[in-house]
Protein backbone atom coordinates (compact mmCIF):
# COMPACT_ATOMS: atom_id res chain seq x y z
CA MET A 1 28.22 -8.65 -18.20
CA SER A 2 28.16 -9.28 -14.54
CA ASP A 3 26.19 -12.03 -12.78
CA HIS A 4 23.62 -9.39 -11.75
CA ASP A 5 23.06 -7.84 -15.25
CA HIS A 6 21.04 -10.73 -16.54
CA LEU A 7 18.69 -10.36 -13.53
CA LYS A 8 17.95 -6.75 -13.76
CA PRO A 9 15.62 -6.77 -16.83
CA ILE A 10 13.78 -9.80 -15.38
CA ILE A 11 13.25 -8.07 -12.04
CA GLU A 12 12.25 -4.85 -13.68
CA ALA A 13 9.63 -6.72 -15.72
CA LEU A 14 8.26 -8.51 -12.64
CA ILE A 15 8.00 -5.22 -10.70
CA PHE A 16 6.48 -3.32 -13.71
CA ALA A 17 3.87 -5.92 -14.51
CA SER A 18 2.68 -6.33 -10.88
CA PRO A 19 -0.29 -4.26 -9.78
CA ASP A 20 1.02 -4.62 -6.22
CA PRO A 21 4.40 -4.02 -4.64
CA VAL A 22 6.78 -6.94 -5.20
CA THR A 23 8.55 -8.00 -1.98
CA PRO A 24 12.09 -9.40 -1.82
CA LYS A 25 10.49 -12.59 -0.63
CA THR A 26 8.44 -12.75 -3.81
CA LEU A 27 11.42 -12.05 -5.94
CA PHE A 28 13.45 -14.74 -4.22
CA GLN A 29 10.61 -17.28 -4.79
CA LEU A 30 10.06 -16.27 -8.46
CA LEU A 31 13.87 -16.50 -9.12
CA GLU A 32 14.55 -19.58 -6.90
CA GLY A 33 17.32 -20.79 -9.21
CA GLU A 34 19.27 -17.62 -8.48
CA PRO A 35 21.31 -16.93 -5.36
CA LYS A 36 19.46 -14.52 -2.99
CA GLU A 37 22.61 -12.35 -2.88
CA ASP A 38 22.54 -12.01 -6.59
CA VAL A 39 18.84 -11.01 -6.63
CA ALA A 40 19.38 -8.46 -3.90
CA LYS A 41 22.42 -6.94 -5.63
CA ALA A 42 20.39 -6.77 -8.87
CA VAL A 43 17.56 -4.95 -7.11
CA GLU A 44 20.14 -2.49 -5.64
CA MET A 45 21.61 -1.87 -9.16
CA LEU A 46 18.15 -1.37 -10.65
CA GLN A 47 17.29 1.08 -7.96
CA ALA A 48 20.50 3.03 -8.89
CA ASP A 49 19.53 2.96 -12.52
CA TYR A 50 16.18 4.46 -11.82
CA GLU A 51 17.81 7.15 -9.73
CA ALA A 52 19.54 8.31 -12.91
CA ARG A 53 16.56 8.00 -15.17
CA GLY A 54 13.90 10.66 -16.18
CA GLY A 55 10.21 10.12 -15.78
CA LEU A 56 9.96 6.92 -13.73
CA GLN A 57 11.20 5.93 -10.38
CA MET A 58 11.49 2.64 -8.43
CA VAL A 59 10.08 3.06 -4.94
CA GLU A 60 9.90 0.85 -1.87
CA VAL A 61 6.39 0.75 -0.58
CA ALA A 62 4.50 -1.73 1.76
CA GLY A 63 7.58 -3.85 2.12
CA GLY A 64 8.12 -4.27 -1.68
CA TYR A 65 9.03 -2.38 -4.78
CA GLN A 66 6.94 -0.52 -7.42
CA ILE A 67 7.83 1.39 -10.63
CA CYS A 68 5.80 4.56 -10.83
CA THR A 69 5.79 8.01 -12.36
CA ARG A 70 7.90 10.59 -10.54
CA PRO A 71 5.78 12.83 -8.37
CA CYS A 72 6.97 16.07 -10.03
CA LEU A 73 5.56 14.76 -13.34
CA LEU A 74 2.11 13.77 -12.24
CA TYR A 75 0.40 16.96 -12.88
CA THR A 76 2.36 18.41 -15.81
CA SER A 77 1.29 18.57 -19.37
CA PRO A 78 3.45 18.89 -22.43
CA SER A 79 3.79 22.45 -23.77
CA PRO A 80 1.80 23.13 -26.88
CA ARG A 81 3.78 23.18 -30.05
CA ASP A 82 3.81 26.18 -32.20
């Protein structure tokens, strides 16, 4: 496990739970015991993880990060089962 791996789920939870975009400054403040470089690298790695995932994406908006539904899935409904 790399130094950044332990930060990824923490950062993901902070972003997911926030109703507003979470800025890098906020992440640095909340994770003050961690080197800023490690936090920034963990965010970068988390973004790459979301690029490879299915229904959710991590986006940069208003100077921060949010986790949201991919736009292509907003207006789709599941196919009825036979």
